[in-house]
């Protein structure tokens, strides 16, 4: 008697027991934020963000982002956003803080979804399209090398113009150290054959964002003002000379360096913040 079918069945059953269970589909209405890995979403039950009032030295950028995110949360017309410029100046933190403020003003209206451009954005858009909620899809620290033109063009198509463009209840928010996002070189200006074509192609992605905001290096006054705000909020004593010495050792002034100094102050005081 041939026992092969029964043996194969037992092997298949054993493999099923060893295989990890399929991930539970995300409840897109239940959480303030999610992380998308290309195939599934992981819920983030608490969205951590600094208080807007503590974000100093970027007042114009803060007002524009907060207003745009509030529009999205209310279902009004809103822009895709590009936040570009100096590292450590609060681009990502501002997006989280503006989203949190919109959620507090209108609970359940909006969620933040962190993703990457090469991780199944088309699938994500398909899932979000049918959800009765607004979403801000967040691409952090984005930059394309000059040889990565295909990925940049795909993102351009998703933003506007393509048949798989992001749905009406979704807006994209991108942070980048480069204004054009795509790497550029001075040699573009030296090409004798229609150099404007090359420049236009690399700027085309940045042009798709209705709101483009630059974040620039911290002045000394702004740097000290950021520290003063955080130190007052956390009741920490500090000296301007010590704060400036800290920035020199860190090689520059920024909101990130200011926060690291405040963290140092708390550690010296034996406190958690």
Protein backbone atom coordinates (compact mmCIF):
# COMPACT_ATOMS: atom_id res chain seq x y z
CA UNK A 1 0.00 0.00 0.00
CA UNK A 2 1.39 3.39 -1.02
CA UNK A 3 1.64 5.71 2.00
CA UNK A 4 3.13 8.60 -0.01
CA UNK A 5 -0.02 10.84 -0.01
CA UNK A 6 -0.45 10.47 3.76
CA UNK A 7 3.25 11.17 4.32
CA UNK A 8 3.11 14.29 2.17
CA UNK A 9 0.05 15.47 4.08
CA UNK A 10 1.84 15.03 7.41
CA UNK A 11 4.87 16.92 6.10
CA UNK A 12 2.68 19.77 4.86
CA UNK A 13 0.88 19.95 8.21
CA UNK A 14 4.20 20.06 10.04
CA UNK A 15 5.47 22.87 7.83
CA UNK A 16 2.25 24.81 8.45
CA UNK A 17 2.82 24.51 12.21
CA UNK A 18 6.41 25.72 11.86
CA UNK A 19 5.54 28.68 9.64
CA UNK A 20 4.88 31.97 11.42
CA UNK A 21 1.26 33.08 11.43
CA UNK A 22 0.24 35.64 8.84
CA UNK A 23 0.38 39.18 10.24
CA UNK A 24 -2.91 40.60 11.41
CA UNK A 25 -4.05 43.35 9.03
CA UNK A 26 -3.64 46.80 10.51
CA UNK A 27 -6.68 48.62 11.80
CA UNK A 28 -6.24 51.89 9.92
CA UNK A 29 -8.78 53.67 12.15
CA UNK A 30 -7.38 52.77 15.56
CA UNK A 31 -3.90 54.29 15.92
CA UNK A 32 -2.19 57.67 15.55
CA UNK A 33 0.72 56.38 13.49
CA UNK A 34 1.97 53.38 11.52
CA UNK A 35 5.20 52.09 9.99
CA UNK A 36 4.84 50.56 6.52
CA UNK A 37 7.41 47.92 5.55
CA UNK A 38 6.27 47.35 1.98
CA UNK A 39 3.80 44.55 2.63
CA UNK A 40 2.20 45.28 6.00
CA UNK A 41 1.75 48.07 8.51
CA UNK A 42 2.87 48.04 12.13
CA UNK A 43 0.75 50.18 14.42
CA UNK A 44 2.41 52.81 16.62
CA UNK A 45 0.11 53.26 19.62
CA UNK A 46 1.65 56.53 20.84
CA UNK A 47 3.00 59.27 18.57
CA UNK A 48 5.95 60.91 20.29
CA UNK A 49 6.64 64.54 19.38
CA UNK A 50 7.98 67.70 21.04
CA UNK A 51 5.53 70.39 22.01
CA UNK A 52 5.15 72.92 19.21
CA UNK A 53 5.77 75.79 21.62
CA UNK A 54 9.25 74.38 22.36
CA UNK A 55 10.31 74.37 18.71
CA UNK A 56 12.15 77.67 18.35
CA UNK A 57 13.97 79.32 15.45
CA UNK A 58 11.65 77.90 12.75
CA UNK A 59 8.53 80.01 13.32
CA UNK A 60 7.58 80.52 9.66
CA UNK A 61 8.13 76.90 8.74
CA UNK A 62 6.20 75.77 11.82
CA UNK A 63 3.20 77.97 11.01
CA UNK A 64 3.05 76.71 7.41
CA UNK A 65 3.34 73.03 8.30
CA UNK A 66 0.84 73.19 11.16
CA UNK A 67 -1.71 74.99 8.96
CA UNK A 68 -1.29 72.53 6.08
CA UNK A 69 -1.58 69.45 8.30
CA UNK A 70 -4.67 70.94 9.97
CA UNK A 71 -6.26 71.39 6.54
CA UNK A 72 -5.59 67.76 5.73
CA UNK A 73 -7.09 66.58 9.01
CA UNK A 74 -10.28 68.54 8.27
CA UNK A 75 -10.56 67.10 4.76
CA UNK A 76 -9.79 70.42 3.08
CA UNK A 77 -7.38 70.93 0.19
CA UNK A 78 -3.81 70.43 1.41
CA UNK A 79 -0.35 70.30 -0.16
CA UNK A 80 2.24 67.58 -0.41
CA UNK A 81 5.20 68.91 1.58
CA UNK A 82 8.95 68.99 1.07
CA UNK A 83 10.99 70.04 4.10
CA UNK A 84 14.60 70.48 3.07
CA UNK A 85 17.81 71.93 4.43
CA UNK A 86 20.27 71.72 7.27
CA UNK A 87 20.37 68.52 9.28
CA UNK A 88 19.18 68.60 12.86
CA UNK A 89 16.87 71.59 12.42
CA UNK A 90 13.64 69.82 13.34
CA UNK A 91 12.17 68.83 9.98
CA UNK A 92 11.01 65.38 11.05
CA UNK A 93 10.11 66.48 14.59
CA UNK A 94 7.96 69.27 13.19
CA UNK A 95 5.96 66.85 11.03
CA UNK A 96 5.32 64.62 14.05
CA UNK A 97 4.41 67.59 16.24
CA UNK A 98 2.05 69.08 13.66
CA UNK A 99 0.34 65.71 13.20
CA UNK A 100 -0.05 65.29 16.95
CA UNK A 101 -1.54 68.80 17.25
CA UNK A 102 -4.05 68.02 14.48
CA UNK A 103 -4.99 64.74 16.18
CA UNK A 104 -5.58 66.51 19.47
CA UNK A 105 -7.73 69.16 17.79
CA UNK A 106 -9.76 66.62 15.80
CA UNK A 107 -9.36 63.11 17.28
CA UNK A 108 -9.33 60.24 14.82
CA UNK A 109 -9.14 62.46 11.77
CA UNK A 110 -5.54 61.87 10.72
CA UNK A 111 -2.75 59.29 10.97
CA UNK A 112 0.95 59.48 10.18
CA UNK A 113 2.41 56.61 8.11
CA UNK A 114 6.19 56.32 7.84
CA UNK A 115 7.37 54.58 4.68
CA UNK A 116 10.21 54.51 2.16
CA UNK A 117 9.81 55.19 -1.58
CA UNK A 118 11.03 51.72 -2.60
CA UNK A 119 8.78 49.81 -0.16
CA UNK A 120 5.48 49.17 -1.88
CA UNK A 121 4.01 52.66 -1.96
CA UNK A 122 1.56 51.66 -4.68
CA UNK A 123 0.20 48.89 -2.44
CA UNK A 124 0.00 51.27 0.50
CA UNK A 125 -1.96 53.81 -1.55
CA UNK A 126 -4.38 51.08 -2.63
CA UNK A 127 -5.03 50.15 1.00
CA UNK A 128 -5.48 53.73 2.17
CA UNK A 129 -7.71 54.75 -0.71
CA UNK A 130 -10.79 53.09 0.76
CA UNK A 131 -10.31 54.17 4.39
CA UNK A 132 -12.53 56.88 5.84
CA UNK A 133 -9.61 58.77 7.33
CA UNK A 134 -6.87 61.11 6.16
CA UNK A 135 -3.23 60.03 6.09
CA UNK A 136 0.10 61.83 5.95
CA UNK A 137 2.64 59.46 4.40
CA UNK A 138 6.08 60.41 5.71
CA UNK A 139 9.32 59.73 3.79
CA UNK A 140 12.20 60.70 6.06
CA UNK A 141 15.69 61.82 5.00
CA UNK A 142 15.05 61.18 1.32
CA UNK A 143 17.74 61.55 -1.31
CA UNK A 144 18.38 59.97 -4.69
CA UNK A 145 21.82 59.52 -6.22
CA UNK A 146 22.27 60.80 -9.75
CA UNK A 147 22.14 57.20 -11.01
CA UNK A 148 18.82 56.47 -9.30
CA UNK A 149 16.63 58.34 -11.77
CA UNK A 150 14.00 55.59 -12.07
CA UNK A 151 13.07 55.72 -8.37
CA UNK A 152 12.85 59.51 -8.47
CA UNK A 153 10.59 59.42 -11.53
CA UNK A 154 8.33 56.85 -9.87
CA UNK A 155 7.91 59.12 -6.86
CA UNK A 156 7.11 62.00 -9.20
CA UNK A 157 4.38 59.91 -10.79
CA UNK A 158 2.91 59.01 -7.40
CA UNK A 159 2.81 62.65 -6.40
CA UNK A 160 1.03 63.86 -9.51
CA UNK A 161 0.21 62.76 -13.01
CA UNK A 162 0.51 58.97 -12.88
CA UNK A 163 -2.28 56.42 -13.04
CA UNK A 164 -1.24 55.21 -9.53
CA UNK A 165 -1.02 58.70 -8.03
CA UNK A 166 -1.68 58.92 -4.32
CA UNK A 167 -5.39 58.99 -3.40
CA UNK A 168 -7.28 62.12 -2.37
CA UNK A 169 -7.23 61.25 1.35
CA UNK A 170 -3.41 60.97 1.35
CA UNK A 171 -0.68 63.57 1.23
CA UNK A 172 3.07 63.02 1.21
CA UNK A 173 5.55 64.72 3.48
CA UNK A 174 9.23 64.36 2.59
CA UNK A 175 12.31 65.52 4.47
CA UNK A 176 15.62 65.87 2.67
CA UNK A 177 18.96 67.56 3.15
CA UNK A 178 18.87 68.55 -0.54
CA UNK A 179 16.38 71.01 -1.98
CA UNK A 180 16.20 69.14 -5.30
CA UNK A 181 16.17 65.73 -3.51
CA UNK A 182 18.01 64.28 -6.53
CA UNK A 183 21.80 64.66 -6.43
CA UNK A 184 23.08 67.49 -8.60
CA UNK A 185 26.54 68.50 -9.85
CA UNK A 186 28.10 71.70 -11.14
CA UNK A 187 28.93 69.83 -14.36
CA UNK A 188 25.26 70.22 -15.33
CA UNK A 189 26.07 73.81 -16.20
CA UNK A 190 28.94 72.76 -18.46
CA UNK A 191 26.99 70.45 -20.76
CA UNK A 192 26.92 72.23 -24.13
CA UNK A 193 23.93 70.20 -25.42
CA UNK A 194 20.73 71.62 -23.99
CA UNK A 195 21.88 71.71 -20.35
CA UNK A 196 18.48 72.98 -19.20
CA UNK A 197 16.95 69.56 -19.93
CA UNK A 198 19.18 67.87 -17.37
CA UNK A 199 18.48 70.56 -14.77
CA UNK A 200 14.72 70.45 -15.36
CA UNK A 201 14.63 66.67 -15.03
CA UNK A 202 16.35 66.79 -11.64
CA UNK A 203 14.18 69.64 -10.35
CA UNK A 204 10.95 68.03 -11.57
CA UNK A 205 10.52 65.98 -8.39
CA UNK A 206 10.88 68.95 -6.03
CA UNK A 207 8.45 70.93 -8.19
CA UNK A 208 5.67 68.41 -7.48
CA UNK A 209 5.41 69.56 -3.85
CA UNK A 210 2.92 72.36 -3.31
CA UNK A 211 4.69 73.37 -0.09
CA UNK A 212 8.48 73.50 -0.07
CA UNK A 213 10.15 74.87 3.07
CA UNK A 214 13.84 75.46 3.72
CA UNK A 215 15.45 74.89 7.12
CA UNK A 216 18.71 76.72 7.56
CA UNK A 217 21.61 76.56 9.97
CA UNK A 218 21.02 77.87 13.48
CA UNK A 219 22.22 81.30 14.46
CA UNK A 220 23.78 81.61 17.90
CA UNK A 221 20.73 83.47 19.19
CA UNK A 222 18.35 80.81 17.89
CA UNK A 223 20.49 78.04 19.34
CA UNK A 224 20.45 79.65 22.78
CA UNK A 225 16.71 80.36 22.51
CA UNK A 226 16.02 76.68 21.81
CA UNK A 227 18.01 75.67 24.87
CA UNK A 228 16.32 78.34 27.01
CA UNK A 229 12.88 77.02 26.05
CA UNK A 230 13.68 73.39 26.81
CA UNK A 231 15.58 74.24 30.00
CA UNK A 232 12.69 76.32 31.33
CA UNK A 233 10.20 73.59 30.45
CA UNK A 234 12.23 70.98 32.32
CA UNK A 235 13.37 73.33 35.13
CA UNK A 236 17.07 72.89 34.34
CA UNK A 237 19.82 75.38 35.19
CA UNK A 238 22.28 76.24 32.45
CA UNK A 239 24.91 78.75 31.34
CA UNK A 240 25.19 80.25 27.86
CA UNK A 241 28.99 79.85 27.85
CA UNK A 242 28.65 76.15 28.63
CA UNK A 243 26.02 75.72 25.90
CA UNK A 244 28.25 77.43 23.34
CA UNK A 245 31.22 75.30 24.35
CA UNK A 246 29.02 72.22 23.84
CA UNK A 247 28.15 73.33 20.31
CA UNK A 248 31.83 73.89 19.49
CA UNK A 249 32.68 70.38 20.61
CA UNK A 250 29.78 69.04 18.52
CA UNK A 251 30.99 70.93 15.45
CA UNK A 252 28.01 73.20 14.90
CA UNK A 253 24.73 74.63 16.13
CA UNK A 254 21.33 73.07 15.43
CA UNK A 255 18.11 72.14 17.15
CA UNK A 256 19.42 68.59 17.53
CA UNK A 257 22.65 69.78 19.18
CA UNK A 258 20.58 72.02 21.48
CA UNK A 259 18.41 69.08 22.53
CA UNK A 260 21.50 66.93 23.12
CA UNK A 261 22.84 69.64 25.41
CA UNK A 262 19.54 69.74 27.33
CA UNK A 263 19.74 65.95 27.67
CA UNK A 264 23.26 66.40 29.03
CA UNK A 265 21.97 68.94 31.57
CA UNK A 266 19.32 66.50 32.74
CA UNK A 267 21.90 63.74 33.05
CA UNK A 268 24.18 65.94 35.13
CA UNK A 269 21.22 66.68 37.41
CA UNK A 270 20.40 62.98 37.71
CA UNK A 271 17.02 63.42 36.08
CA UNK A 272 15.15 61.83 33.22
CA UNK A 273 13.36 63.93 30.58
